[in-house]
Amino acid sequence: MLTIIKENVELIVNGKDEILKSWIHDNDVLKVLKAHHINQDFFIKNYALEILEYYIDVIVGKKDIGDCPIISKLISYLKGKHIKVDELFLLCNGFRKSIVSYLYDINVSDKKIFDSVEYIFDHNFMGVLKKYSQNIDDVEIKLDKSLGIVDKYIIMSSTDVKGMIVYASEAFCTISGYTKKELLGSPHNIVRHPDMPQSLFENMWKTIQNGNIWHGEIKNRKKDGGYYWVDATIEPRFDSNGKIIGYDAIRQDITSKKLVQEQQSVLIEQSKSAAMGEMISMIAHQWRQPLQAVSILIQKLSVTKMIEGDITDELLEQVVDDVAKQLDYMSKTIDDFRDFFRPDKHKEFIRVSQLVDRARDFLQYMMKTDSINFKVESSEDINISLHINEVIQVLINIIKNARDAIIINKVQNGQIIVRYYTSGNMCIIEIEDNAGGIPENIKTKIFEPYFSTKTNKNGTGLGLYMCKTIIEQHSSGRIFVENVNGGAMFKIELPLSIGR
């Protein structure tokens, strides 16, 4: 769960000040601090900073979730201030929101990172609540307070068998914009959004009316016409005889997650369009040589007729045969590019040598024209299961970036080396160039969307972002870069499958 966020810990460390500032200036947090006369600077110095550092230690694996002396120290202090349980929730929730907001502001769009933040927060908050409640003797007070928190922060509702709302939590009212008076007695489709297909609700009703639990994601409409997304679980409520008497639903607000997914989809489509442009440019490079050959062959006929006054059948047959060969080559090029853009529906087994060869085929004319030495190094061949065209796209993108860097930096004796090998249960692919490397101050940024090192405006800033998405989200691998031997080396790690 924490693997993805570990790779982004440097971002959180660099943003300590912004995170703390956002936490302390959260409206709910400010209200709690002011209500109990807690000085902001005192809170930061004695508690907030240590809690954030503990959070970072959990991410990197130095400490276990829940094992935090500063939390115990804070709980003791808050009890002395007579902080209520729901106020404690607001303090903790403000911390979570500050981290999520910071990651969102710096354009981190991987939902796995947000899931990891939520995972750590959820497990710590349960421990905090447990410790905070240990010395409260009155069970009814604890229950009332807990129910109050649930009602205020958990989106819940209950209906009768006809789907008429008989209970709505305060959180449901807040997110939908309706009052309890407006919701109670109304059909639950009062919040139905027209974007949701009728078939989804037909399936939902069929499931719960048969006594089963339904789970899914739903887009709902607010009273003001806006919308919000929820991850919903709906289950039947039975009487003592096993008869369904109503339905209970609990929901989690996933609007932010959906927005991240939508943004990522837009970036992926933009990246595909950019890749298409790159491929068209490569076709032009691939076709230049055969077109020149065809032109020379045709000119040969004209020159022969002008000099000799006639064209022999033998010469005509030779020219036609040579032209046909060039046209066959051009046709094969189109087939290769067409296959490349065909979507990968399923993973397939392929040898890494074939992956590298297919990427090289796309770029060989360009490399030859630019006098770049392209080498492949390997002591073994590796069979691996993956989305073939997607990974070829990654290799092409990185190799072409290396070629562009060699040209831009006017490197003499430009060289690109692709090597692959196994390490444990991983297949490693390295692409190394001698173009001078990547400045240290931008190494952590090159995989961000819209970030480009190309100053001539030819870069979209989406290529490496797409590479990272393909490798890490579609292939369960890792990709990173380091400077070695006067150049940059991109390293791709892919999990091996049993077909090796």
Protein backbone atom coordinates (compact mmCIF):
# COMPACT_ATOMS: atom_id res chain seq x y z
CA MET A 1 0.00 0.00 0.00
CA LEU A 2 2.81 2.42 0.90
CA THR A 3 5.15 1.58 -2.02
CA ILE A 4 3.86 4.35 -4.29
CA ILE A 5 3.90 7.11 -1.66
CA LYS A 6 7.44 6.19 -0.55
CA GLU A 7 8.67 7.36 -3.94
CA ASN A 8 7.04 10.75 -3.31
CA VAL A 9 8.28 11.23 0.26
CA GLU A 10 10.79 13.84 -0.93
CA LEU A 11 7.89 15.93 -2.19
CA ILE A 12 6.28 15.82 1.27
CA VAL A 13 9.58 16.59 3.02
CA ASN A 14 10.15 19.60 0.75
CA GLY A 15 6.63 20.80 1.44
CA LYS A 16 6.72 20.63 5.26
CA ASP A 17 6.18 24.35 5.70
CA GLU A 18 3.29 24.47 3.22
CA ILE A 19 1.63 21.42 4.80
CA LEU A 20 1.92 22.81 8.34
CA LYS A 21 0.66 26.22 7.25
CA SER A 22 -2.31 24.65 5.46
CA TRP A 23 -3.08 22.46 8.50
CA ILE A 24 -3.01 25.27 11.06
CA HIS A 25 -4.98 27.67 8.84
CA ASP A 26 -7.75 25.18 8.09
CA ASN A 27 -11.02 26.83 9.19
CA ASP A 28 -12.12 23.90 11.37
CA VAL A 29 -8.70 23.60 13.00
CA LEU A 30 -8.56 27.35 13.70
CA LYS A 31 -11.97 27.20 15.38
CA VAL A 32 -10.85 24.37 17.68
CA LEU A 33 -7.57 26.09 18.59
CA LYS A 34 -9.27 29.41 19.28
CA ALA A 35 -12.13 27.81 21.25
CA HIS A 36 -9.62 26.24 23.64
CA HIS A 37 -7.12 29.14 23.65
CA ILE A 38 -4.32 27.13 22.06
CA ASN A 39 -1.56 29.28 20.56
CA GLN A 40 -0.81 28.37 16.92
CA ASP A 41 2.98 28.69 17.23
CA PHE A 42 2.93 26.63 20.43
CA PHE A 43 0.87 23.91 18.72
CA ILE A 44 3.23 23.78 15.71
CA LYS A 45 6.43 23.76 17.78
CA ASN A 46 5.33 21.21 20.37
CA TYR A 47 3.05 18.88 18.38
CA ALA A 48 2.30 19.57 14.70
CA LEU A 49 5.88 19.41 13.37
CA GLU A 50 6.66 16.18 15.25
CA ILE A 51 3.43 14.58 14.02
CA LEU A 52 4.32 15.42 10.40
CA GLU A 53 7.83 14.01 10.87
CA TYR A 54 6.33 10.86 12.39
CA TYR A 55 4.04 10.58 9.36
CA ILE A 56 7.08 10.76 7.06
CA ASP A 57 8.89 8.10 9.16
CA VAL A 58 5.88 5.79 8.71
CA ILE A 59 6.00 6.31 4.94
CA VAL A 60 9.70 5.42 4.67
CA GLY A 61 9.30 2.48 7.07
CA LYS A 62 11.26 3.83 10.05
CA LYS A 63 8.23 3.58 12.32
CA ASP A 64 5.08 1.48 12.47
CA ILE A 65 1.58 2.89 12.12
CA GLY A 66 0.23 3.76 15.56
CA ASP A 67 3.62 3.66 17.35
CA CYS A 68 3.91 7.38 18.02
CA PRO A 69 4.92 8.92 21.39
CA ILE A 70 4.02 12.40 20.17
CA ILE A 71 0.42 11.24 19.58
CA SER A 72 0.20 10.10 23.21
CA LYS A 73 1.70 13.40 24.32
CA LEU A 74 -0.82 15.34 22.21
CA ILE A 75 -3.76 13.29 23.52
CA SER A 76 -2.72 14.00 27.11
CA TYR A 77 -2.49 17.71 26.34
CA LEU A 78 -5.86 17.82 24.54
CA LYS A 79 -7.60 16.02 27.40
CA GLY A 80 -6.35 18.74 29.70
CA LYS A 81 -7.94 21.25 27.36
CA HIS A 82 -11.23 19.30 27.41
CA ILE A 83 -11.18 18.79 23.65
CA LYS A 84 -14.24 16.88 22.44
CA VAL A 85 -13.99 13.76 20.30
CA ASP A 86 -15.48 15.49 17.26
CA GLU A 87 -13.00 18.35 17.71
CA LEU A 88 -10.17 15.83 17.81
CA PHE A 89 -11.48 14.44 14.54
CA LEU A 90 -11.38 17.95 13.03
CA LEU A 91 -7.73 18.38 14.09
CA CYS A 92 -6.75 15.01 12.61
CA ASN A 93 -8.84 15.52 9.48
CA GLY A 94 -7.24 18.94 8.97
CA PHE A 95 -3.85 17.21 8.91
CA ARG A 96 -5.05 14.74 6.27
CA LYS A 97 -6.59 17.51 4.16
CA SER A 98 -3.38 19.57 4.28
CA ILE A 99 -1.32 16.69 2.83
CA VAL A 100 -3.91 15.86 0.15
CA SER A 101 -4.25 19.55 -0.77
CA TYR A 102 -0.47 19.96 -1.02
CA LEU A 103 -0.08 16.90 -3.28
CA TYR A 104 -2.93 18.16 -5.45
CA ASP A 105 -1.37 21.66 -5.68
CA ILE A 106 1.94 20.24 -6.97
CA ASN A 107 0.07 18.25 -9.62
CA VAL A 108 0.51 14.77 -8.13
CA SER A 109 -2.29 12.90 -9.90
CA ASP A 110 -1.67 9.25 -9.06
CA LYS A 111 -4.73 7.98 -7.14
CA LYS A 112 -2.56 5.32 -5.46
CA ILE A 113 -0.75 8.11 -3.62
CA PHE A 114 -4.02 9.53 -2.32
CA ASP A 115 -5.10 6.01 -1.32
CA SER A 116 -1.85 5.60 0.65
CA VAL A 117 -2.40 8.92 2.46
CA GLU A 118 -5.91 7.78 3.39
CA TYR A 119 -4.60 4.37 4.51
CA ILE A 120 -2.11 5.83 6.99
CA PHE A 121 -4.61 8.43 8.23
CA ASP A 122 -7.38 5.87 8.78
CA HIS A 123 -5.17 3.48 10.74
CA ASN A 124 -3.67 6.25 12.89
CA PHE A 125 -7.00 7.96 13.55
CA MET A 126 -8.53 4.74 14.84
CA GLY A 127 -5.65 4.47 17.29
CA VAL A 128 -5.98 8.11 18.31
CA LEU A 129 -9.70 7.74 18.98
CA LYS A 130 -9.09 4.57 21.00
CA LYS A 131 -6.48 6.23 23.21
CA TYR A 132 -8.54 9.37 23.60
CA SER A 133 -11.58 7.41 24.71
CA GLN A 134 -9.79 5.14 27.21
CA ASN A 135 -10.51 7.29 30.25
CA ILE A 136 -14.16 8.08 29.44
CA ASP A 137 -16.29 6.01 31.81
CA ASP A 138 -19.75 6.91 30.67
CA VAL A 139 -20.51 4.51 27.80
CA GLU A 140 -23.64 6.37 26.77
CA ILE A 141 -21.73 9.61 26.39
CA LYS A 142 -19.13 7.83 24.26
CA LEU A 143 -21.84 6.29 22.12
CA ASP A 144 -23.70 9.56 21.68
CA LYS A 145 -20.53 11.36 20.71
CA SER A 146 -19.52 8.61 18.30
CA LEU A 147 -22.94 8.62 16.70
CA GLY A 148 -22.72 12.37 16.45
CA ILE A 149 -19.42 12.10 14.61
CA VAL A 150 -20.81 9.41 12.33
CA ASP A 151 -23.90 11.47 11.57
CA LYS A 152 -21.83 14.56 10.88
CA TYR A 153 -19.08 13.06 8.74
CA ILE A 154 -20.41 9.81 7.22
CA ILE A 155 -22.81 9.95 4.27
CA MET A 156 -25.62 7.58 5.27
CA SER A 157 -29.29 7.09 4.56
CA SER A 158 -32.07 4.57 5.12
CA THR A 159 -35.18 3.98 3.03
CA ASP A 160 -38.31 1.91 3.24
CA VAL A 161 -38.93 -0.95 0.80
CA LYS A 162 -40.20 1.53 -1.82
CA GLY A 163 -37.04 3.62 -1.70
CA MET A 164 -38.52 6.52 0.29
CA ILE A 165 -35.94 8.14 2.59
CA VAL A 166 -36.61 7.62 6.31
CA TYR A 167 -33.17 8.68 7.63
CA ALA A 168 -30.49 11.01 6.27
CA SER A 169 -27.24 11.84 8.06
CA GLU A 170 -26.04 15.40 8.43
CA ALA A 171 -23.15 14.57 6.09
CA PHE A 172 -25.68 13.49 3.42
CA CYS A 173 -27.49 16.82 3.80
CA THR A 174 -24.21 18.76 3.61
CA ILE A 175 -22.92 17.13 0.44
CA SER A 176 -26.27 17.07 -1.40
CA GLY A 177 -27.37 20.56 -0.40
CA TYR A 178 -30.79 19.36 0.77
CA THR A 179 -32.15 19.79 4.30
CA LYS A 180 -33.32 16.79 6.30
CA LYS A 181 -36.88 18.06 5.92
CA GLU A 182 -36.50 18.02 2.13
CA LEU A 183 -34.96 14.54 2.07
CA LEU A 184 -37.17 12.69 4.54
CA GLY A 185 -40.17 11.20 2.76
CA SER A 186 -38.66 11.83 -0.69
CA PRO A 187 -37.62 9.06 -3.10
CA HIS A 188 -33.88 8.45 -3.16
CA ASN A 189 -33.78 9.37 -6.83
CA ILE A 190 -34.03 12.99 -5.70
CA VAL A 191 -30.22 12.97 -6.03
CA ARG A 192 -30.07 10.86 -9.19
CA HIS A 193 -27.82 12.39 -11.84
CA PRO A 194 -28.88 12.10 -15.51
CA ASP A 195 -25.38 10.92 -16.45
CA MET A 196 -25.94 7.62 -14.64
CA PRO A 197 -27.42 4.86 -16.85
CA GLN A 198 -30.80 3.39 -15.97
CA SER A 199 -29.29 -0.09 -16.20
CA LEU A 200 -27.10 0.59 -13.15
CA PHE A 201 -30.12 1.30 -10.96
CA GLU A 202 -32.02 -1.67 -12.38
CA ASN A 203 -29.09 -3.90 -11.40
CA MET A 204 -28.90 -2.25 -7.97
CA TRP A 205 -32.61 -2.81 -7.23
CA LYS A 206 -32.49 -6.38 -8.49
CA THR A 207 -29.52 -7.10 -6.22
CA ILE A 208 -30.89 -5.62 -2.98
CA GLN A 209 -34.46 -6.87 -3.52
CA ASN A 210 -33.00 -10.38 -3.71
CA GLY A 211 -31.50 -9.83 -0.26
CA ASN A 212 -27.93 -9.19 -1.42
CA ILE A 213 -25.51 -6.31 -0.86
CA TRP A 214 -24.86 -3.92 -3.77
CA HIS A 215 -21.63 -1.96 -4.15
CA GLY A 216 -20.66 0.55 -6.80
CA GLU A 217 -19.70 4.10 -7.73
CA ILE A 218 -22.50 6.61 -8.34
CA LYS A 219 -22.57 10.17 -9.61
CA ASN A 220 -25.23 12.14 -7.71
CA ARG A 221 -26.84 15.50 -8.41
CA LYS A 222 -26.77 18.28 -5.82
CA LYS A 223 -29.71 20.55 -5.11
CA ASP A 224 -27.91 23.45 -6.84
CA GLY A 225 -27.36 21.38 -10.00
CA GLY A 226 -23.76 20.44 -9.22
CA TYR A 227 -22.62 16.88 -8.70
CA TYR A 228 -20.59 14.65 -6.43
CA TRP A 229 -19.32 11.07 -6.71
CA VAL A 230 -19.74 8.42 -4.02
CA ASP A 231 -18.54 4.89 -3.45
CA ALA A 232 -21.79 3.36 -2.20
CA THR A 233 -22.67 0.18 -0.34
CA ILE A 234 -26.38 -0.64 -0.01
CA GLU A 235 -27.74 -3.59 1.92
CA PRO A 236 -31.23 -4.81 2.83
CA ARG A 237 -32.63 -4.44 6.36
CA PHE A 238 -34.58 -7.45 7.64
CA ASP A 239 -37.14 -7.98 10.38
CA SER A 240 -37.05 -10.91 12.81
CA ASN A 241 -38.79 -13.13 10.24
CA GLY A 242 -36.20 -12.45 7.54
CA LYS A 243 -38.48 -10.16 5.56
CA ILE A 244 -36.94 -7.09 3.90
CA ILE A 245 -38.30 -3.95 5.58
CA GLY A 246 -35.96 -1.36 4.10
CA TYR A 247 -32.47 -0.56 2.87
CA ASP A 248 -29.43 1.07 4.49
CA ALA A 249 -26.74 2.85 2.50
CA ILE A 250 -23.31 4.13 3.47
CA ARG A 251 -21.24 6.19 1.07
CA GLN A 252 -17.77 7.64 0.76
CA ASP A 253 -17.16 10.89 -1.09
CA ILE A 254 -14.79 10.07 -4.00
CA THR A 255 -15.27 13.27 -6.00
CA SER A 256 -11.59 14.25 -5.69
CA LYS A 257 -10.49 10.78 -6.83
CA LYS A 258 -12.78 11.01 -9.86
CA LEU A 259 -11.42 14.45 -10.76
CA VAL A 260 -7.89 13.03 -10.65
CA GLN A 261 -8.97 10.15 -12.91
CA GLU A 262 -10.62 12.56 -15.36
CA GLN A 263 -7.50 14.73 -15.48
CA GLN A 264 -5.36 11.66 -16.03
CA SER A 265 -7.63 10.51 -18.88
CA VAL A 266 -7.26 13.91 -20.55
CA LEU A 267 -3.48 13.76 -20.18
CA ILE A 268 -3.38 10.25 -21.64
CA GLU A 269 -5.46 11.30 -24.67
CA GLN A 270 -3.23 14.34 -25.20
CA SER A 271 -0.20 12.11 -24.92
CA LYS A 272 -1.63 9.71 -27.51
CA SER A 273 -2.20 12.60 -29.91
CA ALA A 274 1.36 13.78 -29.37
CA ALA A 275 2.62 10.23 -29.96
CA MET A 276 0.63 10.08 -33.20
CA GLY A 277 2.38 13.24 -34.39
CA GLU A 278 5.75 11.72 -33.51
CA MET A 279 4.88 8.57 -35.44
CA ILE A 280 3.83 10.51 -38.54
CA SER A 281 7.19 12.27 -38.39
CA MET A 282 8.91 8.87 -38.17
CA ILE A 283 6.96 7.60 -41.18
CA ALA A 284 8.25 10.59 -43.12
CA HIS A 285 11.80 9.65 -42.10
CA GLN A 286 11.24 5.99 -42.98
CA TRP A 287 9.80 6.85 -46.39
CA ARG A 288 12.42 9.39 -47.42
CA GLN A 289 14.98 6.80 -48.56
CA PRO A 290 12.62 4.56 -50.58
CA LEU A 291 11.01 7.61 -52.21
CA GLN A 292 14.44 8.83 -53.25
CA ALA A 293 15.19 5.36 -54.65
CA VAL A 294 11.93 5.32 -56.65
CA SER A 295 12.71 8.79 -58.00
CA ILE A 296 16.18 7.68 -59.13
CA LEU A 297 14.78 4.55 -60.81
CA ILE A 298 12.21 6.56 -62.75
CA GLN A 299 14.88 9.08 -63.78
CA LYS A 300 16.98 6.14 -64.95
CA LEU A 301 14.30 5.27 -67.53
CA SER A 302 14.15 8.84 -68.80
CA VAL A 303 17.93 9.16 -69.06
CA THR A 304 18.25 5.78 -70.79
CA LYS A 305 15.61 6.70 -73.38
CA MET A 306 17.24 10.08 -73.97
CA ILE A 307 20.70 8.58 -74.48
CA GLU A 308 19.89 5.29 -76.18
CA GLY A 309 16.59 6.24 -77.79
CA ASP A 310 14.84 3.15 -76.49
CA ILE A 311 14.17 1.22 -73.26
CA THR A 312 14.75 -2.50 -73.30
CA ASP A 313 12.25 -4.92 -71.79
CA GLU A 314 14.99 -6.17 -69.49
CA LEU A 315 15.66 -2.68 -68.10
CA LEU A 316 11.95 -1.93 -67.73
CA GLU A 317 11.40 -5.21 -65.88
CA GLN A 318 14.34 -4.48 -63.56
CA VAL A 319 13.08 -0.97 -62.74
CA VAL A 320 9.52 -2.20 -62.13
CA ASP A 321 10.85 -4.94 -59.84
CA ASP A 322 13.03 -2.49 -57.88
CA VAL A 323 10.16 0.01 -57.53
CA ALA A 324 7.88 -2.79 -56.29
CA LYS A 325 10.44 -3.68 -53.61
CA GLN A 326 10.55 -0.09 -52.39
CA LEU A 327 6.75 0.14 -52.37
CA ASP A 328 6.54 -3.14 -50.42
CA TYR A 329 8.90 -1.67 -47.84
CA MET A 330 6.73 1.46 -47.57
CA SER A 331 3.59 -0.68 -47.24
CA LYS A 332 5.21 -2.74 -44.46
CA THR A 333 6.09 0.49 -42.67
CA ILE A 334 2.43 1.54 -42.69
CA ASP A 335 1.40 -1.91 -41.40
CA ASP A 336 3.92 -1.66 -38.56
CA PHE A 337 2.64 1.75 -37.49
CA ARG A 338 -0.98 0.61 -37.79
CA ASP A 339 -0.25 -2.38 -35.55
CA PHE A 340 1.54 -0.11 -33.11
CA PHE A 341 -1.56 2.03 -32.56
CA ARG A 342 -3.89 -0.94 -32.21
CA PRO A 343 -4.99 -0.96 -28.52
CA ASP A 344 -3.57 -3.69 -26.28
CA LYS A 345 -6.60 -5.41 -24.75
CA HIS A 346 -4.65 -8.17 -23.05
CA LYS A 347 -1.12 -8.83 -21.89
CA GLU A 348 0.93 -11.12 -24.12
CA PHE A 349 4.24 -12.91 -23.72
CA ILE A 350 7.15 -11.53 -25.73
CA ARG A 351 10.91 -11.72 -25.53
CA VAL A 352 12.62 -8.49 -24.49
CA SER A 353 14.94 -8.80 -27.50
CA GLN A 354 11.87 -8.58 -29.75
CA LEU A 355 10.61 -5.51 -27.86
CA VAL A 356 13.94 -3.75 -28.37
CA ASP A 357 14.15 -4.80 -32.04
CA ARG A 358 10.68 -3.44 -32.78
CA ALA A 359 11.50 -0.13 -31.10
CA ARG A 360 14.77 0.03 -33.05
CA ASP A 361 12.95 -0.67 -36.34
CA PHE A 362 10.86 2.46 -35.86
CA LEU A 363 13.93 4.61 -35.25
CA GLN A 364 16.68 3.00 -37.34
CA TYR A 365 16.54 5.41 -40.29
CA MET A 366 16.59 8.40 -37.94
CA MET A 367 19.59 6.96 -36.06
CA LYS A 368 21.42 6.23 -39.31
CA THR A 369 20.75 9.71 -40.68
CA ASP A 370 22.03 11.34 -37.47
CA SER A 371 25.09 9.03 -37.29
CA ILE A 372 24.16 7.82 -33.79
CA ASN A 373 25.64 4.51 -32.67
CA PHE A 374 22.82 2.32 -31.30
CA LYS A 375 23.96 -0.68 -29.26
CA VAL A 376 22.08 -3.47 -27.51
CA GLU A 377 23.76 -5.32 -24.63
CA SER A 378 22.43 -8.46 -22.99
CA SER A 379 23.70 -11.75 -21.64
CA GLU A 380 20.29 -13.43 -21.70
CA ASP A 381 16.92 -13.22 -23.37
CA ILE A 382 13.87 -12.76 -21.19
CA ASN A 383 10.27 -13.79 -21.75
CA ILE A 384 7.78 -11.43 -20.13
CA SER A 385 4.03 -10.80 -20.16
CA LEU A 386 2.91 -7.20 -20.75
CA HIS A 387 0.94 -4.82 -22.96
CA ILE A 388 3.37 -5.04 -25.86
CA ASN A 389 2.56 -1.89 -27.86
CA GLU A 390 2.43 0.26 -24.73
CA VAL A 391 5.91 -0.80 -23.61
CA ILE A 392 7.27 -0.36 -27.15
CA GLN A 393 5.87 3.18 -26.99
CA VAL A 394 7.82 3.74 -23.77
CA LEU A 395 11.07 2.49 -25.34
CA ILE A 396 10.57 4.60 -28.48
CA ASN A 397 9.85 7.69 -26.41
CA ILE A 398 12.92 7.36 -24.21
CA ILE A 399 15.25 6.42 -27.10
CA LYS A 400 13.96 9.32 -29.22
CA ASN A 401 14.44 11.71 -26.27
CA ALA A 402 18.04 10.49 -26.01
CA ARG A 403 18.51 11.05 -29.75
CA ASP A 404 17.03 14.58 -29.46
CA ALA A 405 19.38 15.40 -26.56
CA ILE A 406 22.40 14.23 -28.58
CA ILE A 407 21.35 16.46 -31.51
CA ILE A 408 20.49 19.50 -29.35
CA ASN A 409 23.76 19.27 -27.39
CA LYS A 410 25.76 18.67 -30.62
CA VAL A 411 27.44 15.59 -29.17
CA GLN A 412 30.19 14.13 -31.33
CA ASN A 413 30.06 10.33 -31.66
CA GLY A 414 26.59 10.14 -30.17
CA GLN A 415 25.74 6.80 -28.64
CA ILE A 416 22.64 5.13 -27.20
CA ILE A 417 22.91 1.81 -25.36
CA VAL A 418 19.97 -0.42 -24.48
CA ARG A 419 20.76 -3.22 -22.05
CA TYR A 420 18.48 -5.68 -20.33
CA TYR A 421 18.94 -8.30 -17.64
CA THR A 422 17.19 -9.87 -14.67
CA SER A 423 17.58 -8.99 -11.01
CA GLY A 424 15.68 -11.18 -8.58
CA ASN A 425 12.10 -11.38 -9.85
CA MET A 426 12.42 -8.25 -11.98
CA CYS A 427 13.34 -7.61 -15.60
CA ILE A 428 15.55 -4.52 -15.87
CA ILE A 429 15.77 -2.45 -19.07
CA GLU A 430 18.28 0.42 -19.18
CA ILE A 431 18.51 3.10 -21.87
CA GLU A 432 21.75 5.08 -21.59
CA ASP A 433 23.05 7.97 -23.71
CA ASN A 434 26.11 10.23 -23.75
CA ALA A 435 24.23 13.53 -24.18
CA GLY A 436 25.46 15.19 -20.98
CA GLY A 437 22.81 14.05 -18.50
CA ILE A 438 19.85 15.79 -16.87
CA PRO A 439 20.38 18.77 -14.51
CA GLU A 440 19.92 17.67 -10.90
CA ASN A 441 17.38 20.43 -10.18
CA ILE A 442 14.89 19.04 -12.72
CA LYS A 443 15.42 15.28 -12.38
CA THR A 444 12.45 14.96 -10.04
CA LYS A 445 10.22 16.97 -12.41
CA ILE A 446 10.72 15.27 -15.76
CA PHE A 447 7.92 12.75 -15.18
CA GLU A 448 5.39 15.47 -14.33
CA PRO A 449 2.71 16.31 -16.93
CA TYR A 450 3.52 19.28 -19.21
CA PHE A 451 7.14 19.50 -18.03
CA SER A 452 9.56 19.58 -20.95
CA THR A 453 13.31 20.15 -21.21
CA LYS A 454 13.02 21.10 -24.88
CA THR A 455 13.29 24.86 -25.28
CA ASN A 456 12.33 24.89 -28.97
CA LYS A 457 8.66 24.19 -28.10
CA ASN A 458 8.80 20.81 -29.83
CA GLY A 459 8.21 19.03 -26.54
CA THR A 460 4.68 18.51 -25.24
CA GLY A 461 5.81 17.56 -21.75
CA LEU A 462 3.57 14.48 -21.88
CA GLY A 463 5.89 11.78 -23.22
CA LEU A 464 7.66 10.84 -19.99
CA TYR A 465 4.47 11.30 -17.98
CA MET A 466 2.84 8.74 -20.28
CA CYS A 467 5.86 6.44 -19.88
CA LYS A 468 5.52 6.59 -16.10
CA THR A 469 1.77 5.90 -16.31
CA ILE A 470 2.30 2.86 -18.58
CA ILE A 471 5.12 1.36 -16.52
CA GLU A 472 3.80 2.01 -13.02
CA GLN A 473 0.02 1.80 -13.41
CA HIS A 474 -0.43 -0.53 -16.41
CA SER A 475 2.61 -2.77 -15.86
CA SER A 476 3.07 -2.73 -12.05
CA GLY A 477 6.69 -1.65 -12.52
CA ARG A 478 8.95 1.32 -11.79
CA ILE A 479 10.78 3.88 -13.92
CA PHE A 480 13.42 6.37 -12.82
CA VAL A 481 16.46 8.19 -14.17
CA GLU A 482 20.01 8.83 -13.04
CA ASN A 483 23.08 10.47 -14.53
CA VAL A 484 25.96 8.12 -15.42
CA ASN A 485 29.11 8.33 -17.55
CA GLY A 486 28.41 11.76 -19.00
CA GLY A 487 24.82 11.02 -19.88
CA ALA A 488 21.39 10.00 -18.62
CA MET A 489 20.25 6.45 -17.94
CA PHE A 490 16.57 5.57 -17.69
CA LYS A 491 15.93 2.37 -15.78
CA ILE A 492 12.70 0.40 -16.18
CA GLU A 493 11.85 -2.39 -13.73
CA LEU A 494 9.13 -4.86 -14.76
CA PRO A 495 7.92 -7.86 -12.75
CA LEU A 496 8.75 -11.21 -14.32
CA SER A 497 6.00 -13.70 -15.11
CA ILE A 498 6.11 -17.47 -15.05
CA GLY A 499 6.75 -17.73 -18.78
CA ARG A 500 10.41 -16.90 -18.53
